[in-house]
Amino acid sequence: MFGPKMKAACPMCSSIIDALNATVVHGSQRVNLAFVAKSPLERIRTFARERGWNRLRLLSSSSNNYNRDYYGENSEGGQQPSLNVFVRRNGKVHHFSIPSFSWSRPSRGRTSATST
């Protein structure tokens, strides 16, 4: 969405987040939603203010391995869109991911649903 080397955030991601900013009030009655970008948090917050995003939970992965661990970047460090869902059932947290929004299986040996 917004890597530290990018001059501007991805227009497609920004468009989707524009819409979610308006609807997160309703969705948050049933789910927790967070957006993760690799830029430093202050840069993300500045961009969010410029876009009028005032209802979203924005997180930075600039100093951790989140993007790599959860399919948000490829082996060369390039960004790739991903969706991660964590669900608690019977006292266990299950992780579901859609790497690169494709139907291909991740190559790092993870399954699409894992318990942690």
Protein backbone atom coordinates (compact mmCIF):
# COMPACT_ATOMS: atom_id res chain seq x y z
CA MET A 1 0.00 0.00 0.00
CA PHE A 2 2.60 2.54 1.05
CA GLY A 3 6.20 1.40 1.21
CA PRO A 4 8.93 3.66 2.57
CA LYS A 5 10.52 4.10 -0.87
CA MET A 6 7.25 4.97 -2.61
CA LYS A 7 6.59 8.62 -3.44
CA ALA A 8 2.85 8.08 -3.00
CA ALA A 9 0.54 5.38 -1.73
CA CYS A 10 -0.98 2.87 -4.15
CA PRO A 11 -4.05 4.50 -5.77
CA MET A 12 -6.00 1.23 -5.81
CA CYS A 13 -5.33 0.55 -2.12
CA SER A 14 -6.17 4.16 -1.27
CA SER A 15 -9.49 3.90 -3.11
CA ILE A 16 -10.46 0.75 -1.24
CA ILE A 17 -9.45 2.26 2.09
CA ASP A 18 -11.43 5.44 1.29
CA ALA A 19 -14.57 3.31 1.16
CA LEU A 20 -13.69 1.30 4.25
CA ASN A 21 -13.09 4.47 6.26
CA ALA A 22 -16.76 5.28 5.72
CA THR A 23 -18.06 1.82 6.62
CA VAL A 24 -15.72 0.71 9.40
CA VAL A 25 -18.11 2.13 12.01
CA HIS A 26 -20.65 -0.52 11.04
CA GLY A 27 -18.15 -3.31 10.46
CA SER A 28 -16.45 -2.77 13.80
CA GLN A 29 -19.60 -3.97 15.52
CA ARG A 30 -18.59 -7.49 14.40
CA VAL A 31 -14.88 -7.41 13.45
CA ASN A 32 -11.61 -5.69 14.26
CA LEU A 33 -9.97 -4.24 11.19
CA ALA A 34 -6.44 -2.90 10.81
CA PHE A 35 -4.38 -1.71 7.87
CA VAL A 36 -0.64 -2.36 7.79
CA ALA A 37 1.88 -0.44 5.69
CA LYS A 38 5.65 -0.66 5.70
CA SER A 39 6.26 3.10 5.97
CA PRO A 40 6.98 4.67 9.35
CA LEU A 41 3.82 5.31 11.36
CA GLU A 42 4.06 9.12 11.25
CA ARG A 43 4.22 9.02 7.43
CA ILE A 44 1.15 6.77 7.35
CA ARG A 45 -0.72 9.07 9.74
CA THR A 46 0.17 12.16 7.69
CA PHE A 47 -1.16 10.51 4.54
CA ALA A 48 -4.29 9.38 6.40
CA ARG A 49 -5.03 12.94 7.53
CA GLU A 50 -4.60 14.19 3.95
CA ARG A 51 -7.09 11.54 2.72
CA GLY A 52 -9.55 12.21 5.54
CA TRP A 53 -9.15 8.75 7.03
CA ASN A 54 -10.26 9.30 10.60
CA ARG A 55 -11.84 5.98 11.62
CA LEU A 56 -9.19 3.43 10.72
CA ARG A 57 -6.66 1.52 12.78
CA LEU A 58 -3.38 2.11 10.94
CA LEU A 59 -0.25 0.14 11.79
CA SER A 60 3.34 0.26 10.64
CA SER A 61 5.45 -2.78 9.82
CA SER A 62 8.57 -0.70 9.15
CA SER A 63 10.60 -2.26 11.96
CA ASN A 64 9.37 -5.85 11.95
CA ASN A 65 8.86 -8.88 9.69
CA TYR A 66 5.08 -8.69 9.39
CA ASN A 67 5.07 -8.07 5.62
CA ARG A 68 7.45 -10.94 4.95
CA ASP A 69 5.78 -13.33 7.40
CA TYR A 70 2.24 -12.63 6.19
CA TYR A 71 2.84 -12.43 2.43
CA GLY A 72 2.87 -8.62 2.13
CA GLU A 73 6.13 -8.66 0.22
CA ASN A 74 7.98 -10.98 -2.12
CA SER A 75 11.45 -12.46 -1.60
CA GLU A 76 13.04 -9.34 -3.16
CA GLY A 77 11.24 -7.04 -0.69
CA GLY A 78 8.71 -5.75 -3.25
CA GLN A 79 5.19 -5.16 -2.01
CA GLN A 80 2.35 -7.45 -2.88
CA PRO A 81 -1.24 -7.09 -1.76
CA SER A 82 -2.40 -9.59 0.82
CA LEU A 83 -5.34 -10.21 3.08
CA ASN A 84 -4.92 -11.86 6.46
CA VAL A 85 -7.78 -12.97 8.67
CA PHE A 86 -7.35 -14.18 12.24
CA VAL A 87 -10.29 -15.98 13.84
CA ARG A 88 -10.58 -17.20 17.42
CA ARG A 89 -12.47 -20.49 17.76
CA ASN A 90 -12.57 -22.74 20.80
CA GLY A 91 -9.70 -20.89 22.46
CA LYS A 92 -7.37 -21.12 19.44
CA VAL A 93 -6.44 -18.45 16.90
CA HIS A 94 -6.63 -19.55 13.27
CA HIS A 95 -4.92 -17.67 10.45
CA PHE A 96 -6.27 -17.52 6.92
CA SER A 97 -4.43 -15.66 4.20
CA ILE A 98 -4.87 -14.78 0.56
CA PRO A 99 -1.33 -14.06 -0.62
CA SER A 100 -1.18 -11.58 -3.50
CA PHE A 101 -4.96 -11.89 -3.89
CA SER A 102 -4.31 -14.87 -6.16
CA TRP A 103 -5.26 -18.51 -6.04
CA SER A 104 -1.64 -19.66 -5.98
CA ARG A 105 -0.25 -21.41 -2.93
CA PRO A 106 2.50 -19.63 -0.96
CA SER A 107 5.93 -21.11 -1.52
CA ARG A 108 7.23 -20.85 2.06
CA GLY A 109 5.50 -24.00 3.25
CA ARG A 110 2.57 -22.36 5.01
CA THR A 111 -0.93 -23.57 4.59
CA SER A 112 -3.75 -21.14 4.03
CA ALA A 113 -5.19 -21.96 7.45
CA THR A 114 -2.92 -22.47 10.42
CA SER A 115 -3.46 -22.48 14.15
CA THR A 116 -1.07 -20.59 16.38
